[in-house]
Amino acid sequence: MSRFREEIDSLDEQILTLLARRFEVVRGVAAHKRDEAIEMMQADRIQTVLDRTESLAESLEIPPGLARRLYREIIDETCAFEGELIQDGHVGDPDDGSEPPRSALARKGWNIDHVAIAVRDLEAAIATFRDRFGFEVSERRKIEGSHSGMISAVLRAGEIKFVLVQGTSPASNVSQYIKHYGPGVQHVALRIEDVKVVLDDLRGRGCDLLTDVIHSPGLDQMFTRRDSNSGMQIEFIARSATDDFSGSNVTELFEAMERENVY
């Protein structure tokens, strides 16, 4: 077994070394685009790279979907890196101020971590998502409390994650949400890195935040108030050591919503 592990470690080192070389090439690309006033984002080129990657992966008997997801992440990270180099004036001519600085979310955002859906009947909702759509139940949870009380289930399909929530009493925050807005998307969680940077930027932009950072080991979350125009509440979530959720974090969120009398 040790021989296989050593070989895997060696291959991982080669992969990361090549990835570092790719980032160095991106430095040159950023300098060229800035010097020649070329638009940073090239959608056609991105699509070409993804299609070529998927085709090459198939010929190498690597799952094409895995290769596409992997390269989607690499492209997103290198595009963000390239944009920072250009915007911050680290390459080419100094920043002439023609474009506004990129937001912390634009620089630190990863993806949609999960979508929370308020339901009237959790078991019926699980059956719908599992049996009709093909999701798998990965976790169930029950939280006690007059306002925070709820039962929930985490459903996954590949990288897609839905969290179904049902209130356990009429006073429950989830029950109150359904009473005011009906069942449906209760909030959308955006996964980020560097929660402090994003928090400071959101405050500077006048974002209507409901909470400060709610912390538990390996997990930081913060929430906006619900926007009256779109009906949306946004969660910003940073994970460092867990892909699960914290009951104490949920309780703290619902207590904040109770204090503010919002749902």
C-alpha atoms as a PDB file:
ATOM      1  CA  MET A   1       0.000   0.000   0.000  1.00  0.00           C
ATOM      2  CA  SER A   2       2.818   2.424   0.815  1.00  0.00           C
ATOM      3  CA  ARG A   3       4.159   2.125  -2.748  1.00  0.00           C
ATOM      4  CA  PHE A   4       0.824   3.212  -4.203  1.00  0.00           C
ATOM      5  CA  ARG A   5       0.566   6.120  -1.782  1.00  0.00           C
ATOM      6  CA  GLU A   6       4.060   7.294  -2.680  1.00  0.00           C
ATOM      7  CA  GLU A   7       3.192   7.169  -6.371  1.00  0.00           C
ATOM      8  CA  ILE A   8      -0.010   9.131  -5.785  1.00  0.00           C
ATOM      9  CA  ASP A   9       1.911  11.729  -3.737  1.00  0.00           C
ATOM     10  CA  SER A  10       4.418  12.084  -6.573  1.00  0.00           C
ATOM     11  CA  LEU A  11       1.658  12.523  -9.142  1.00  0.00           C
ATOM     12  CA  ASP A  12      -0.080  15.115  -6.960  1.00  0.00           C
ATOM     13  CA  GLU A  13       3.164  17.085  -6.752  1.00  0.00           C
ATOM     14  CA  GLN A  14       3.478  17.001 -10.548  1.00  0.00           C
ATOM     15  CA  ILE A  15      -0.121  18.172 -10.973  1.00  0.00           C
ATOM     16  CA  LEU A  16       0.374  21.109  -8.600  1.00  0.00           C
ATOM     17  CA  THR A  17       3.692  22.014 -10.229  1.00  0.00           C
ATOM     18  CA  LEU A  18       1.979  22.160 -13.617  1.00  0.00           C
ATOM     19  CA  LEU A  19      -0.847  24.205 -12.111  1.00  0.00           C
ATOM     20  CA  ALA A  20       1.694  26.700 -10.754  1.00  0.00           C
ATOM     21  CA  ARG A  21       3.184  26.962 -14.250  1.00  0.00           C
ATOM     22  CA  ARG A  22      -0.313  27.643 -15.621  1.00  0.00           C
ATOM     23  CA  PHE A  23      -0.704  30.552 -13.206  1.00  0.00           C
ATOM     24  CA  GLU A  24       2.649  31.952 -14.357  1.00  0.00           C
ATOM     25  CA  VAL A  25       1.438  31.861 -17.962  1.00  0.00           C
ATOM     26  CA  VAL A  26      -1.685  33.729 -16.830  1.00  0.00           C
ATOM     27  CA  ARG A  27       0.591  36.536 -15.578  1.00  0.00           C
ATOM     28  CA  GLY A  28       1.860  36.928 -19.126  1.00  0.00           C
ATOM     29  CA  VAL A  29      -1.669  36.813 -20.508  1.00  0.00           C
ATOM     30  CA  ALA A  30      -2.764  39.540 -18.082  1.00  0.00           C
ATOM     31  CA  ALA A  31       0.151  41.785 -19.075  1.00  0.00           C
ATOM     32  CA  HIS A  32      -0.581  41.306 -22.779  1.00  0.00           C
ATOM     33  CA  LYS A  33      -4.297  42.023 -22.374  1.00  0.00           C
ATOM     34  CA  ARG A  34      -3.587  45.150 -20.373  1.00  0.00           C
ATOM     35  CA  ASP A  35      -0.948  46.450 -22.812  1.00  0.00           C
ATOM     36  CA  GLU A  36      -3.147  45.777 -25.838  1.00  0.00           C
ATOM     37  CA  ALA A  37      -6.417  46.896 -24.176  1.00  0.00           C
ATOM     38  CA  ILE A  38      -7.942  43.444 -24.748  1.00  0.00           C
ATOM     39  CA  GLU A  39     -11.092  42.580 -22.812  1.00  0.00           C
ATOM     40  CA  MET A  40     -10.239  40.339 -19.883  1.00  0.00           C
ATOM     41  CA  MET A  41     -13.135  37.872 -20.187  1.00  0.00           C
ATOM     42  CA  GLN A  42     -13.087  35.784 -23.367  1.00  0.00           C
ATOM     43  CA  ALA A  43     -16.218  33.610 -23.241  1.00  0.00           C
ATOM     44  CA  ASP A  44     -15.518  31.832 -26.542  1.00  0.00           C
ATOM     45  CA  ARG A  45     -12.046  30.838 -25.388  1.00  0.00           C
ATOM     46  CA  ILE A  46     -13.392  29.488 -22.095  1.00  0.00           C
ATOM     47  CA  GLN A  47     -15.945  27.362 -23.920  1.00  0.00           C
ATOM     48  CA  THR A  48     -13.242  26.076 -26.277  1.00  0.00           C
ATOM     49  CA  VAL A  49     -11.019  25.041 -23.362  1.00  0.00           C
ATOM     50  CA  LEU A  50     -13.880  23.269 -21.586  1.00  0.00           C
ATOM     51  CA  ASP A  51     -14.961  21.416 -24.725  1.00  0.00           C
ATOM     52  CA  ARG A  52     -11.377  20.406 -25.524  1.00  0.00           C
ATOM     53  CA  THR A  53     -10.823  19.247 -21.944  1.00  0.00           C
ATOM     54  CA  GLU A  54     -13.961  17.118 -21.967  1.00  0.00           C
ATOM     55  CA  SER A  55     -13.025  15.556 -25.309  1.00  0.00           C
ATOM     56  CA  LEU A  56      -9.454  14.843 -24.193  1.00  0.00           C
ATOM     57  CA  ALA A  57     -10.663  13.356 -20.913  1.00  0.00           C
ATOM     58  CA  GLU A  58     -12.971  11.011 -22.776  1.00  0.00           C
ATOM     59  CA  SER A  59     -10.100   9.823 -24.991  1.00  0.00           C
ATOM     60  CA  LEU A  60      -8.015   9.183 -21.849  1.00  0.00           C
ATOM     61  CA  GLU A  61     -10.902   7.289 -20.219  1.00  0.00           C
ATOM     62  CA  ILE A  62     -11.304   9.918 -17.502  1.00  0.00           C
ATOM     63  CA  PRO A  63     -14.936  10.822 -16.608  1.00  0.00           C
ATOM     64  CA  PRO A  64     -15.644  13.860 -18.839  1.00  0.00           C
ATOM     65  CA  GLY A  65     -17.907  15.433 -16.225  1.00  0.00           C
ATOM     66  CA  LEU A  66     -15.129  15.296 -13.625  1.00  0.00           C
ATOM     67  CA  ALA A  67     -12.660  16.920 -16.032  1.00  0.00           C
ATOM     68  CA  ARG A  68     -15.130  19.642 -16.935  1.00  0.00           C
ATOM     69  CA  ARG A  69     -15.898  20.444 -13.278  1.00  0.00           C
ATOM     70  CA  LEU A  70     -12.203  20.461 -12.421  1.00  0.00           C
ATOM     71  CA  TYR A  71     -11.323  22.795 -15.279  1.00  0.00           C
ATOM     72  CA  ARG A  72     -14.308  25.005 -14.543  1.00  0.00           C
ATOM     73  CA  GLU A  73     -12.784  25.584 -11.098  1.00  0.00           C
ATOM     74  CA  ILE A  74      -9.296  26.145 -12.550  1.00  0.00           C
ATOM     75  CA  ILE A  75     -10.625  28.609 -15.124  1.00  0.00           C
ATOM     76  CA  ASP A  76     -12.679  30.495 -12.521  1.00  0.00           C
ATOM     77  CA  GLU A  77      -9.656  30.820 -10.226  1.00  0.00           C
ATOM     78  CA  THR A  78      -7.238  31.851 -12.982  1.00  0.00           C
ATOM     79  CA  CYS A  79      -9.731  34.366 -14.406  1.00  0.00           C
ATOM     80  CA  ALA A  80     -10.096  35.909 -10.948  1.00  0.00           C
ATOM     81  CA  PHE A  81      -6.300  35.941 -10.584  1.00  0.00           C
ATOM     82  CA  GLU A  82      -5.907  37.537 -14.012  1.00  0.00           C
ATOM     83  CA  GLY A  83      -8.552  40.137 -13.226  1.00  0.00           C
ATOM     84  CA  GLU A  84      -6.849  41.087  -9.970  1.00  0.00           C
ATOM     85  CA  LEU A  85      -3.506  41.516 -11.722  1.00  0.00           C
ATOM     86  CA  ILE A  86      -5.042  43.810 -14.302  1.00  0.00           C
ATOM     87  CA  GLN A  87      -7.281  45.746 -11.894  1.00  0.00           C
ATOM     88  CA  ASP A  88      -4.634  46.223  -9.215  1.00  0.00           C
ATOM     89  CA  GLY A  89      -2.086  47.477 -11.706  1.00  0.00           C
ATOM     90  CA  HIS A  90       0.438  44.724 -10.968  1.00  0.00           C
ATOM     91  CA  VAL A  91       1.082  44.285 -14.677  1.00  0.00           C
ATOM     92  CA  GLY A  92       1.310  46.674 -17.612  1.00  0.00           C
ATOM     93  CA  ASP A  93       0.289  50.311 -17.189  1.00  0.00           C
ATOM     94  CA  PRO A  94      -0.993  51.753 -13.920  1.00  0.00           C
ATOM     95  CA  ASP A  95      -4.721  51.572 -13.329  1.00  0.00           C
ATOM     96  CA  ASP A  96      -6.330  54.511 -15.107  1.00  0.00           C
ATOM     97  CA  GLY A  97      -9.518  54.271 -13.082  1.00  0.00           C
ATOM     98  CA  SER A  98     -11.646  53.495 -16.128  1.00  0.00           C
ATOM     99  CA  GLU A  99     -13.282  50.535 -14.355  1.00  0.00           C
ATOM    100  CA  PRO A 100     -14.586  50.365 -10.779  1.00  0.00           C
ATOM    101  CA  PRO A 101     -12.673  48.108  -8.382  1.00  0.00           C
ATOM    102  CA  ARG A 102     -14.004  44.558  -8.199  1.00  0.00           C
ATOM    103  CA  SER A 103     -16.108  43.721  -5.174  1.00  0.00           C
ATOM    104  CA  ALA A 104     -14.901  41.338  -2.500  1.00  0.00           C
ATOM    105  CA  LEU A 105     -17.658  38.940  -3.540  1.00  0.00           C
ATOM    106  CA  ALA A 106     -16.438  39.007  -7.157  1.00  0.00           C
ATOM    107  CA  ARG A 107     -12.935  38.175  -5.934  1.00  0.00           C
ATOM    108  CA  LYS A 108     -13.785  35.794  -3.092  1.00  0.00           C
ATOM    109  CA  GLY A 109     -16.974  34.091  -4.252  1.00  0.00           C
ATOM    110  CA  TRP A 110     -16.811  30.371  -5.103  1.00  0.00           C
ATOM    111  CA  ASN A 111     -20.244  29.024  -5.945  1.00  0.00           C
ATOM    112  CA  ILE A 112     -23.729  28.397  -4.596  1.00  0.00           C
ATOM    113  CA  ASP A 113     -23.139  26.271  -1.507  1.00  0.00           C
ATOM    114  CA  HIS A 114     -26.784  25.300  -1.055  1.00  0.00           C
ATOM    115  CA  VAL A 115     -30.375  26.414  -1.483  1.00  0.00           C
ATOM    116  CA  ALA A 116     -32.680  26.251   1.558  1.00  0.00           C
ATOM    117  CA  ILE A 117     -36.302  25.433   0.727  1.00  0.00           C
ATOM    118  CA  ALA A 118     -39.133  25.861   3.234  1.00  0.00           C
ATOM    119  CA  VAL A 119     -41.725  23.083   2.933  1.00  0.00           C
ATOM    120  CA  ARG A 120     -45.020  22.251   4.599  1.00  0.00           C
ATOM    121  CA  ASP A 121     -44.405  18.483   4.722  1.00  0.00           C
ATOM    122  CA  LEU A 122     -40.774  17.385   4.948  1.00  0.00           C
ATOM    123  CA  GLU A 123     -41.364  13.691   4.221  1.00  0.00           C
ATOM    124  CA  ALA A 124     -43.461  14.453   1.148  1.00  0.00           C
ATOM    125  CA  ALA A 125     -40.831  16.893  -0.075  1.00  0.00           C
ATOM    126  CA  ILE A 126     -38.046  14.338   0.449  1.00  0.00           C
ATOM    127  CA  ALA A 127     -40.040  11.798  -1.570  1.00  0.00           C
ATOM    128  CA  THR A 128     -40.430  14.290  -4.425  1.00  0.00           C
ATOM    129  CA  PHE A 129     -36.762  15.255  -4.620  1.00  0.00           C
ATOM    130  CA  ARG A 130     -35.502  11.711  -4.039  1.00  0.00           C
ATOM    131  CA  ASP A 131     -37.909   9.657  -6.128  1.00  0.00           C
ATOM    132  CA  ARG A 132     -38.736  12.038  -8.955  1.00  0.00           C
ATOM    133  CA  PHE A 133     -35.499  13.988  -9.313  1.00  0.00           C
ATOM    134  CA  GLY A 134     -32.918  11.475  -8.067  1.00  0.00           C
ATOM    135  CA  PHE A 135     -31.475  13.349  -5.071  1.00  0.00           C
ATOM    136  CA  GLU A 136     -29.964  11.396  -2.184  1.00  0.00           C
ATOM    137  CA  VAL A 137     -30.620  12.164   1.489  1.00  0.00           C
ATOM    138  CA  SER A 138     -27.266  12.757   3.183  1.00  0.00           C
ATOM    139  CA  GLU A 139     -28.314  14.183   6.536  1.00  0.00           C
ATOM    140  CA  ARG A 140     -31.328  14.732   8.760  1.00  0.00           C
ATOM    141  CA  ARG A 141     -31.452  17.121  11.678  1.00  0.00           C
ATOM    142  CA  LYS A 142     -33.903  18.285  14.346  1.00  0.00           C
ATOM    143  CA  ILE A 143     -33.499  21.591  16.191  1.00  0.00           C
ATOM    144  CA  GLU A 144     -35.510  22.343  19.325  1.00  0.00           C
ATOM    145  CA  GLY A 145     -36.860  25.767  20.216  1.00  0.00           C
ATOM    146  CA  SER A 146     -40.060  27.779  20.102  1.00  0.00           C
ATOM    147  CA  HIS A 147     -38.852  29.962  17.227  1.00  0.00           C
ATOM    148  CA  SER A 148     -35.870  27.979  15.919  1.00  0.00           C
ATOM    149  CA  GLY A 149     -37.595  24.593  16.062  1.00  0.00           C
ATOM    150  CA  MET A 150     -37.446  22.732  12.771  1.00  0.00           C
ATOM    151  CA  ILE A 151     -36.727  19.431  11.122  1.00  0.00           C
ATOM    152  CA  SER A 152     -34.533  19.395   8.045  1.00  0.00           C
ATOM    153  CA  ALA A 153     -32.908  17.174   5.464  1.00  0.00           C
ATOM    154  CA  VAL A 154     -29.864  17.762   3.273  1.00  0.00           C
ATOM    155  CA  LEU A 155     -30.317  16.372  -0.228  1.00  0.00           C
ATOM    156  CA  ARG A 156     -27.433  16.000  -2.669  1.00  0.00           C
ATOM    157  CA  ALA A 157     -27.043  15.189  -6.330  1.00  0.00           C
ATOM    158  CA  GLY A 158     -23.415  15.427  -7.425  1.00  0.00           C
ATOM    159  CA  GLU A 159     -22.298  18.929  -6.425  1.00  0.00           C
ATOM    160  CA  ILE A 160     -25.894  20.173  -6.046  1.00  0.00           C
ATOM    161  CA  LYS A 161     -27.183  20.587  -2.505  1.00  0.00           C
ATOM    162  CA  PHE A 162     -30.678  21.457  -1.302  1.00  0.00           C
ATOM    163  CA  VAL A 163     -31.671  21.840   2.351  1.00  0.00           C
ATOM    164  CA  LEU A 164     -35.363  21.167   3.005  1.00  0.00           C
ATOM    165  CA  VAL A 165     -36.745  22.708   6.221  1.00  0.00           C
ATOM    166  CA  GLN A 166     -40.076  22.326   8.000  1.00  0.00           C
ATOM    167  CA  GLY A 167     -41.146  24.206  11.125  1.00  0.00           C
ATOM    168  CA  THR A 168     -42.141  22.145  14.149  1.00  0.00           C
ATOM    169  CA  SER A 169     -44.743  24.585  15.492  1.00  0.00           C
ATOM    170  CA  PRO A 170     -46.802  27.560  14.231  1.00  0.00           C
ATOM    171  CA  ALA A 171     -44.368  29.885  16.048  1.00  0.00           C
ATOM    172  CA  SER A 172     -41.332  28.405  14.293  1.00  0.00           C
ATOM    173  CA  ASN A 173     -39.475  30.796  12.041  1.00  0.00           C
ATOM    174  CA  VAL A 174     -39.887  28.417   9.092  1.00  0.00           C
ATOM    175  CA  SER A 175     -43.642  28.170   9.728  1.00  0.00           C
ATOM    176  CA  GLN A 176     -43.842  31.953   9.919  1.00  0.00           C
ATOM    177  CA  TYR A 177     -41.906  32.239   6.654  1.00  0.00           C
ATOM    178  CA  ILE A 178     -44.414  29.968   4.910  1.00  0.00           C
ATOM    179  CA  LYS A 179     -47.309  31.898   6.458  1.00  0.00           C
ATOM    180  CA  HIS A 180     -45.970  35.196   5.062  1.00  0.00           C
ATOM    181  CA  TYR A 181     -44.455  34.056   1.751  1.00  0.00           C
ATOM    182  CA  GLY A 182     -45.625  30.517   1.062  1.00  0.00           C
ATOM    183  CA  PRO A 183     -43.366  27.474   0.605  1.00  0.00           C
ATOM    184  CA  GLY A 184     -40.286  27.836  -1.586  1.00  0.00           C
ATOM    185  CA  VAL A 185     -36.729  29.173  -1.540  1.00  0.00           C
ATOM    186  CA  GLN A 186     -36.102  30.457   1.995  1.00  0.00           C
ATOM    187  CA  HIS A 187     -32.540  31.577   1.242  1.00  0.00           C
ATOM    188  CA  VAL A 188     -29.606  31.002  -1.091  1.00  0.00           C
ATOM    189  CA  ALA A 189     -26.148  30.374   0.397  1.00  0.00           C
ATOM    190  CA  LEU A 190     -23.101  31.677  -1.477  1.00  0.00           C
ATOM    191  CA  ARG A 191     -19.813  30.007  -0.618  1.00  0.00           C
ATOM    192  CA  ILE A 192     -16.950  32.454  -0.170  1.00  0.00           C
ATOM    193  CA  GLU A 193     -13.424  32.589   1.152  1.00  0.00           C
ATOM    194  CA  ASP A 194     -12.044  35.210   3.552  1.00  0.00           C
ATOM    195  CA  VAL A 195     -15.287  36.030   5.346  1.00  0.00           C
ATOM    196  CA  LYS A 196     -13.800  39.115   7.072  1.00  0.00           C
ATOM    197  CA  VAL A 197     -12.888  40.747   3.743  1.00  0.00           C
ATOM    198  CA  VAL A 198     -16.335  40.068   2.312  1.00  0.00           C
ATOM    199  CA  LEU A 199     -18.067  41.301   5.478  1.00  0.00           C
ATOM    200  CA  ASP A 200     -16.131  44.597   5.468  1.00  0.00           C
ATOM    201  CA  ASP A 201     -16.896  45.106   1.778  1.00  0.00           C
ATOM    202  CA  LEU A 202     -20.608  44.388   2.252  1.00  0.00           C
ATOM    203  CA  ARG A 203     -20.782  46.888   5.101  1.00  0.00           C
ATOM    204  CA  GLY A 204     -19.012  49.472   2.983  1.00  0.00           C
ATOM    205  CA  ARG A 205     -21.618  48.969   0.263  1.00  0.00           C
ATOM    206  CA  GLY A 206     -24.466  49.487   2.710  1.00  0.00           C
ATOM    207  CA  CYS A 207     -25.633  45.868   2.535  1.00  0.00           C
ATOM    208  CA  ASP A 208     -28.593  45.251   4.862  1.00  0.00           C
ATOM    209  CA  LEU A 209     -27.051  42.551   7.049  1.00  0.00           C
ATOM    210  CA  LEU A 210     -29.133  40.661   9.593  1.00  0.00           C
ATOM    211  CA  THR A 211     -26.208  39.046  11.400  1.00  0.00           C
ATOM    212  CA  ASP A 212     -22.525  39.472  11.986  1.00  0.00           C
ATOM    213  CA  VAL A 213     -20.357  36.398  11.422  1.00  0.00           C
ATOM    214  CA  ILE A 214     -21.859  33.323  13.093  1.00  0.00           C
ATOM    215  CA  HIS A 215     -18.955  31.050  13.905  1.00  0.00           C
ATOM    216  CA  SER A 216     -18.519  27.379  14.698  1.00  0.00           C
ATOM    217  CA  PRO A 217     -15.467  25.150  14.147  1.00  0.00           C
ATOM    218  CA  GLY A 218     -14.684  25.073  10.422  1.00  0.00           C
ATOM    219  CA  LEU A 219     -17.787  27.080   9.517  1.00  0.00           C
ATOM    220  CA  ASP A 220     -18.566  30.820   9.288  1.00  0.00           C
ATOM    221  CA  GLN A 221     -21.929  32.197   8.165  1.00  0.00           C
ATOM    222  CA  MET A 222     -23.594  35.585   7.847  1.00  0.00           C
ATOM    223  CA  PHE A 223     -27.028  36.531   6.555  1.00  0.00           C
ATOM    224  CA  THR A 224     -28.717  39.502   4.940  1.00  0.00           C
ATOM    225  CA  ARG A 225     -32.215  40.617   5.731  1.00  0.00           C
ATOM    226  CA  ARG A 226     -34.798  39.613   3.168  1.00  0.00           C
ATOM    227  CA  ASP A 227     -34.903  42.040   0.258  1.00  0.00           C
ATOM    228  CA  SER A 228     -38.432  43.410  -0.169  1.00  0.00           C
ATOM    229  CA  ASN A 229     -38.064  43.766  -3.942  1.00  0.00           C
ATOM    230  CA  SER A 230     -36.696  40.336  -4.888  1.00  0.00           C
ATOM    231  CA  GLY A 231     -37.882  38.456  -1.798  1.00  0.00           C
ATOM    232  CA  MET A 232     -34.385  37.015  -1.428  1.00  0.00           C
ATOM    233  CA  GLN A 233     -32.315  36.419   1.671  1.00  0.00           C
ATOM    234  CA  ILE A 234     -28.645  35.693   1.034  1.00  0.00           C
ATOM    235  CA  GLU A 235     -26.323  33.672   3.233  1.00  0.00           C
ATOM    236  CA  PHE A 236     -22.558  33.994   2.865  1.00  0.00           C
ATOM    237  CA  ILE A 237     -20.796  30.853   4.041  1.00  0.00           C
ATOM    238  CA  ALA A 238     -17.097  30.034   4.434  1.00  0.00           C
ATOM    239  CA  ARG A 239     -16.030  26.457   5.117  1.00  0.00           C
ATOM    240  CA  SER A 240     -12.594  25.341   6.219  1.00  0.00           C
ATOM    241  CA  ALA A 241     -13.059  21.937   7.787  1.00  0.00           C
ATOM    242  CA  THR A 242     -16.608  20.725   7.255  1.00  0.00           C
ATOM    243  CA  ASP A 243     -19.233  20.227   4.576  1.00  0.00           C
ATOM    244  CA  ASP A 244     -21.979  19.905   7.180  1.00  0.00           C
ATOM    245  CA  PHE A 245     -24.042  22.411   9.145  1.00  0.00           C
ATOM    246  CA  SER A 246     -24.006  23.512  12.776  1.00  0.00           C
ATOM    247  CA  GLY A 247     -27.118  23.366  14.910  1.00  0.00           C
ATOM    248  CA  SER A 248     -25.821  26.198  17.103  1.00  0.00           C
ATOM    249  CA  ASN A 249     -25.362  28.414  14.030  1.00  0.00           C
ATOM    250  CA  VAL A 250     -28.950  27.772  12.924  1.00  0.00           C
ATOM    251  CA  THR A 251     -30.246  28.583  16.391  1.00  0.00           C
ATOM    252  CA  GLU A 252     -28.257  31.844  16.504  1.00  0.00           C
ATOM    253  CA  LEU A 253     -29.620  32.852  13.098  1.00  0.00           C
ATOM    254  CA  PHE A 254     -33.227  32.215  14.085  1.00  0.00           C
ATOM    255  CA  GLU A 255     -32.763  34.080  17.364  1.00  0.00           C
ATOM    256  CA  ALA A 256     -31.533  37.075  15.378  1.00  0.00           C
ATOM    257  CA  MET A 257     -34.561  36.819  13.083  1.00  0.00           C
ATOM    258  CA  GLU A 258     -36.836  36.651  16.124  1.00  0.00           C
ATOM    259  CA  ARG A 259     -35.255  39.770  17.646  1.00  0.00           C
ATOM    260  CA  GLU A 260     -35.699  41.619  14.358  1.00  0.00           C
ATOM    261  CA  ASN A 261     -39.203  40.184  13.783  1.00  0.00           C
ATOM    262  CA  VAL A 262     -38.242  39.089  10.263  1.00  0.00           C
ATOM    263  CA  TYR A 263     -38.718  35.832   8.412  1.00  0.00           C
END
